Amino acid sequence: MTKKEKPAPKASLREKKTPKPKVHKDLQGFEVSIDQFGEIRSNMNIEKINEFLNKNVDDKKLLERDEKEQEEKEKKQKKK
């Protein structure tokens, strides 16, 4: 009876060495992962992340709402 050869073990994502991405200086050292229960784990306080996002990222929903309000005002002015 011959032994079956086992396939080489697959390298898990944790074992792979991937280069760190370039990040904004305010987010230096920020890491995020998902645990076995599907929960998001982070090494940075959520308030600090939200502060960064509010300062550096435009909210598309707010922009669309503001543009829609502006268009409605212009339509009302044209009717007069």
C-alpha atoms as a PDB file:
ATOM      1  CA  MET A   1       0.000   0.000   0.000  1.00  0.00           C
ATOM      2  CA  THR A   2       1.459   3.386  -0.972  1.00  0.00           C
ATOM      3  CA  LYS A   3       1.105   6.605   0.915  1.00  0.00           C
ATOM      4  CA  LYS A   4      -0.843   9.359  -0.720  1.00  0.00           C
ATOM      5  CA  GLU A   5       1.120  12.541  -1.057  1.00  0.00           C
ATOM      6  CA  LYS A   6      -0.436  15.516   0.643  1.00  0.00           C
ATOM      7  CA  PRO A   7      -0.666  18.710  -1.380  1.00  0.00           C
ATOM      8  CA  ALA A   8       1.511  21.557  -0.244  1.00  0.00           C
ATOM      9  CA  PRO A   9      -0.290  23.674   2.360  1.00  0.00           C
ATOM     10  CA  LYS A  10      -1.747  26.880   0.982  1.00  0.00           C
ATOM     11  CA  ALA A  11      -0.299  30.045   2.408  1.00  0.00           C
ATOM     12  CA  SER A  12      -2.930  31.945   4.325  1.00  0.00           C
ATOM     13  CA  LEU A  13      -3.475  35.642   3.825  1.00  0.00           C
ATOM     14  CA  ARG A  14      -1.804  36.370   7.133  1.00  0.00           C
ATOM     15  CA  GLU A  15       1.369  34.577   6.084  1.00  0.00           C
ATOM     16  CA  LYS A  16       1.725  36.376   2.750  1.00  0.00           C
ATOM     17  CA  LYS A  17       4.045  39.337   2.870  1.00  0.00           C
ATOM     18  CA  THR A  18       2.366  42.188   1.064  1.00  0.00           C
ATOM     19  CA  PRO A  19       3.854  45.652   0.926  1.00  0.00           C
ATOM     20  CA  LYS A  20       2.142  48.308   2.998  1.00  0.00           C
ATOM     21  CA  PRO A  21       0.103  50.777   0.921  1.00  0.00           C
ATOM     22  CA  LYS A  22       0.888  54.485   0.867  1.00  0.00           C
ATOM     23  CA  VAL A  23      -1.388  56.334   3.258  1.00  0.00           C
ATOM     24  CA  HIS A  24      -2.129  59.890   4.290  1.00  0.00           C
ATOM     25  CA  LYS A  25       0.171  61.095   7.051  1.00  0.00           C
ATOM     26  CA  ASP A  26      -2.782  61.440   9.465  1.00  0.00           C
ATOM     27  CA  LEU A  27      -3.566  57.740   9.015  1.00  0.00           C
ATOM     28  CA  GLN A  28      -0.003  56.464   9.395  1.00  0.00           C
ATOM     29  CA  GLY A  29      -0.063  53.107  11.195  1.00  0.00           C
ATOM     30  CA  PHE A  30      -3.799  52.568  10.631  1.00  0.00           C
ATOM     31  CA  GLU A  31      -4.697  48.909  10.214  1.00  0.00           C
ATOM     32  CA  VAL A  32      -8.070  47.260   9.812  1.00  0.00           C
ATOM     33  CA  SER A  33      -9.018  43.584   9.715  1.00  0.00           C
ATOM     34  CA  ILE A  34     -12.060  41.346   9.945  1.00  0.00           C
ATOM     35  CA  ASP A  35     -12.096  38.636  12.602  1.00  0.00           C
ATOM     36  CA  GLN A  36     -13.558  35.132  12.286  1.00  0.00           C
ATOM     37  CA  PHE A  37     -16.987  36.444  13.376  1.00  0.00           C
ATOM     38  CA  GLY A  38     -17.095  39.095  10.646  1.00  0.00           C
ATOM     39  CA  GLU A  39     -16.449  41.970  13.030  1.00  0.00           C
ATOM     40  CA  ILE A  40     -14.258  44.817  11.859  1.00  0.00           C
ATOM     41  CA  ARG A  41     -11.186  45.325  14.046  1.00  0.00           C
ATOM     42  CA  SER A  42      -9.103  48.485  13.909  1.00  0.00           C
ATOM     43  CA  ASN A  43      -6.163  49.889  15.797  1.00  0.00           C
ATOM     44  CA  MET A  44      -7.470  53.469  15.520  1.00  0.00           C
ATOM     45  CA  ASN A  45     -10.333  55.139  17.372  1.00  0.00           C
ATOM     46  CA  ILE A  46     -13.481  55.469  15.199  1.00  0.00           C
ATOM     47  CA  GLU A  47     -13.875  59.130  16.204  1.00  0.00           C
ATOM     48  CA  LYS A  48     -10.432  59.905  14.812  1.00  0.00           C
ATOM     49  CA  ILE A  49     -11.287  58.118  11.552  1.00  0.00           C
ATOM     50  CA  ASN A  50     -14.583  60.022  11.246  1.00  0.00           C
ATOM     51  CA  GLU A  51     -12.815  63.325  11.923  1.00  0.00           C
ATOM     52  CA  PHE A  52     -10.327  62.576   9.146  1.00  0.00           C
ATOM     53  CA  LEU A  53     -13.092  61.603   6.713  1.00  0.00           C
ATOM     54  CA  ASN A  54     -15.159  64.709   7.499  1.00  0.00           C
ATOM     55  CA  LYS A  55     -12.149  66.911   6.887  1.00  0.00           C
ATOM     56  CA  ASN A  56     -10.798  65.228   3.734  1.00  0.00           C
ATOM     57  CA  VAL A  57     -13.698  63.545   1.892  1.00  0.00           C
ATOM     58  CA  ASP A  58     -16.748  65.173   0.293  1.00  0.00           C
ATOM     59  CA  ASP A  59     -20.034  63.455   1.103  1.00  0.00           C
ATOM     60  CA  LYS A  60     -21.694  62.637  -2.244  1.00  0.00           C
ATOM     61  CA  LYS A  61     -25.186  62.520  -0.750  1.00  0.00           C
ATOM     62  CA  LEU A  62     -24.823  66.010   0.694  1.00  0.00           C
ATOM     63  CA  LEU A  63     -23.437  67.361  -2.584  1.00  0.00           C
ATOM     64  CA  GLU A  64     -26.326  65.879  -4.565  1.00  0.00           C
ATOM     65  CA  ARG A  65     -28.847  67.294  -2.093  1.00  0.00           C
ATOM     66  CA  ASP A  66     -27.281  70.755  -2.252  1.00  0.00           C
ATOM     67  CA  GLU A  67     -27.239  70.671  -6.064  1.00  0.00           C
ATOM     68  CA  LYS A  68     -30.894  69.604  -6.152  1.00  0.00           C
ATOM     69  CA  GLU A  69     -31.882  72.424  -3.776  1.00  0.00           C
ATOM     70  CA  GLN A  70     -29.951  74.918  -5.919  1.00  0.00           C
ATOM     71  CA  GLU A  71     -31.734  73.711  -9.078  1.00  0.00           C
ATOM     72  CA  GLU A  72     -35.130  74.041  -7.378  1.00  0.00           C
ATOM     73  CA  LYS A  73     -34.332  77.613  -6.325  1.00  0.00           C
ATOM     74  CA  GLU A  74     -33.285  78.477  -9.879  1.00  0.00           C
ATOM     75  CA  LYS A  75     -36.519  77.003 -11.289  1.00  0.00           C
ATOM     76  CA  LYS A  76     -38.595  79.077  -8.854  1.00  0.00           C
ATOM     77  CA  GLN A  77     -36.736  82.240  -9.825  1.00  0.00           C
ATOM     78  CA  LYS A  78     -37.296  81.579 -13.552  1.00  0.00           C
ATOM     79  CA  LYS A  79     -41.050  81.173 -13.001  1.00  0.00           C
ATOM     80  CA  LYS A  80     -41.319  84.684 -11.486  1.00  0.00           C
END
